[in-house]
Protein backbone atom coordinates (compact mmCIF):
# COMPACT_ATOMS: atom_id res chain seq x y z
CA MET A 1 0.15 -0.24 -0.36
CA SER A 2 1.52 3.34 -0.85
CA ASN A 3 1.91 6.12 1.51
CA ARG A 4 -0.88 8.26 -0.34
CA SER A 5 -3.49 5.31 -0.03
CA ARG A 6 -2.90 5.05 3.51
CA ARG A 7 -3.17 9.07 4.43
CA THR A 8 -6.31 8.54 2.59
CA VAL A 9 -7.39 5.67 4.66
CA VAL A 10 -6.50 7.57 7.83
CA ALA A 11 -8.40 10.87 6.82
CA GLU A 12 -11.53 9.13 5.98
CA ALA A 13 -11.56 7.12 9.47
CA GLU A 14 -11.06 10.32 11.75
CA PRO A 15 -14.06 12.63 12.18
CA THR A 16 -13.80 16.16 11.47
CA PHE A 17 -14.04 19.04 14.09
CA VAL A 18 -17.55 19.65 13.34
CA GLN A 19 -18.51 15.98 13.50
CA SER A 20 -17.10 15.52 16.32
CA CYS A 21 -18.64 18.34 18.15
CA SER A 22 -22.13 17.69 16.80
CA THR A 23 -21.64 14.12 18.22
CA LYS A 24 -20.70 15.28 21.69
CA TRP A 25 -23.72 18.10 21.67
CA SER A 26 -26.11 15.31 20.68
CA LYS A 27 -25.11 13.07 23.28
CA GLY A 28 -24.84 15.94 25.80
CA LEU A 29 -28.30 17.38 25.26
CA GLN A 30 -30.09 13.65 25.68
CA ARG A 31 -32.73 14.26 28.59
CA GLY A 32 -32.03 11.75 31.58
CA ALA A 33 -28.75 10.14 29.94
CA ARG A 34 -27.55 9.61 33.32
CA TRP A 35 -23.95 9.82 31.88
CA ASP A 36 -20.86 9.08 34.03
CA LYS A 37 -17.19 9.35 33.41
CA ASP A 38 -17.54 5.63 31.88
CA THR A 39 -20.27 5.95 29.35
CA PHE A 40 -19.39 9.73 28.44
CA GLU A 41 -15.90 10.96 29.47
CA ASP A 42 -16.32 14.22 27.24
CA PHE A 43 -19.35 15.47 29.40
CA PRO A 44 -17.58 18.09 31.24
CA VAL A 45 -16.44 19.60 27.87
CA CYS A 46 -20.29 19.84 27.02
CA VAL A 47 -20.96 21.34 30.39
CA HIS A 48 -18.08 23.89 29.83
CA TRP A 49 -19.63 24.95 26.54
CA PHE A 50 -22.98 25.12 27.72
CA ARG A 51 -21.95 27.62 30.91
CA GLN A 52 -20.33 29.61 28.18
CA PHE A 53 -23.35 29.88 26.03
CA MET A 54 -25.50 30.66 29.27
CA ALA A 55 -23.02 33.48 30.11
CA ALA A 56 -23.10 35.00 26.85
CA VAL A 57 -27.09 35.16 26.97
CA ALA A 58 -27.17 36.40 30.63
CA GLY A 59 -24.52 39.02 30.02
CA ILE A 60 -26.84 39.97 26.83
CA CYS A 61 -29.83 40.23 28.86
CA VAL A 62 -28.23 42.14 31.70
CA GLY A 63 -26.79 44.55 29.40
CA VAL A 64 -29.99 45.22 27.21
CA ALA A 65 -32.02 45.62 30.57
CA GLY A 66 -29.79 48.45 31.55
CA VAL A 67 -28.71 46.65 34.82
CA THR A 68 -25.52 48.08 36.75
CA GLY A 69 -23.50 47.67 39.77
CA TRP A 70 -23.31 44.42 42.17
CA PHE A 71 -26.93 43.45 41.50
CA GLY A 72 -26.54 42.62 37.85
CA LEU A 73 -23.09 40.89 38.50
CA VAL A 74 -24.33 38.46 41.27
CA GLY A 75 -27.75 38.16 39.70
CA GLY A 76 -25.96 37.15 36.43
CA PHE A 77 -23.23 34.81 38.00
CA ALA A 78 -26.27 33.15 40.13
CA PHE A 79 -28.36 32.66 36.74
CA VAL A 80 -25.53 31.25 34.69
CA THR A 81 -24.45 28.69 37.88
CA GLY A 82 -28.17 27.70 38.43
CA ALA A 83 -28.76 26.80 34.80
CA THR A 84 -25.62 25.06 34.39
CA TYR A 85 -26.57 23.09 37.53
CA LEU A 86 -30.05 22.24 36.39
CA TYR A 87 -28.68 21.03 33.04
CA TYR A 88 -26.28 18.45 34.20
CA ALA A 89 -28.00 17.42 37.43
CA ARG A 90 -31.97 17.70 36.60
CA PHE A 91 -31.93 17.49 32.66
CA VAL A 92 -29.26 15.02 31.73
CA GLU A 93 -29.04 13.39 35.38
CA ALA A 94 -25.44 12.95 35.24
CA ASP A 95 -23.31 11.25 37.89
CA GLU A 96 -21.42 14.34 39.39
CA LEU A 97 -19.26 12.30 41.66
CA SER A 98 -17.71 10.30 38.63
CA TYR A 99 -16.12 13.26 37.33
CA GLY A 100 -14.49 14.15 40.50
CA ASP A 101 -15.76 16.04 43.56
CA GLN A 102 -16.00 19.22 42.12
CA GLY A 103 -15.45 18.49 38.71
CA LEU A 104 -18.73 19.75 36.76
CA LYS A 105 -19.40 22.75 39.24
CA TRP A 106 -16.19 23.98 38.29
CA GLU A 107 -16.05 23.31 34.73
CA GLY A 108 -15.58 26.65 32.99
CA LEU A 109 -16.80 28.72 35.74
CA LEU A 110 -14.12 31.42 35.50
CA PRO A 111 -13.97 31.51 31.85
CA SER A 112 -17.95 31.92 31.97
CA LEU A 113 -17.65 35.12 34.34
CA THR A 114 -15.38 36.47 31.88
CA VAL A 115 -17.99 35.75 29.06
CA PHE A 116 -20.77 37.28 30.97
CA LEU A 117 -18.80 40.52 32.06
CA LEU A 118 -17.63 41.09 28.14
CA MET A 119 -21.62 40.35 26.92
CA TRP A 120 -22.60 42.60 29.60
CA ILE A 121 -20.48 45.44 28.64
CA LEU A 122 -20.81 45.28 25.34
CA SER A 123 -24.40 44.89 25.21
CA PHE A 124 -24.84 47.76 28.00
CA ASN A 125 -22.60 49.94 25.99
CA GLY A 126 -24.26 49.01 22.58
CA MET A 127 -27.78 49.75 24.21
CA ASP A 128 -26.54 53.26 25.52
CA HIS A 129 -25.14 54.04 21.90
CA VAL A 130 -28.27 53.53 20.56
CA LEU A 131 -30.29 55.54 23.08
CA LEU A 132 -27.99 58.41 22.76
CA ASN A 133 -28.39 58.26 18.86
CA VAL A 134 -32.34 58.19 19.26
CA ALA A 135 -32.43 61.08 21.64
């Protein structure tokens, strides 16, 4: 077998990045799947990206609503943390302890704070800019 045909066989066997991500998400969004470390090792990746998505949504909502100060920070962060907990504990019913003591609770927590703050600032300033041009 030549090197060229060997490379072709290997390339066909490996899924693309998009296929890999869609497979993980389709598994990660199965209601009541009861994942554990043995059945779905990549579930913390799904939790991480779910948390980032919820942080972006919360940041946009808080910014568009015009909320400022500690109330927005604590409220938005509590929403992101609570929504993520409901996702993996109630929706998917994952075995949290199989991923480590604090594994799913801390998965993507600090990056989600950054995403939340970034989206909050951008949407708040964007809405302020729109309101200034209207007036």
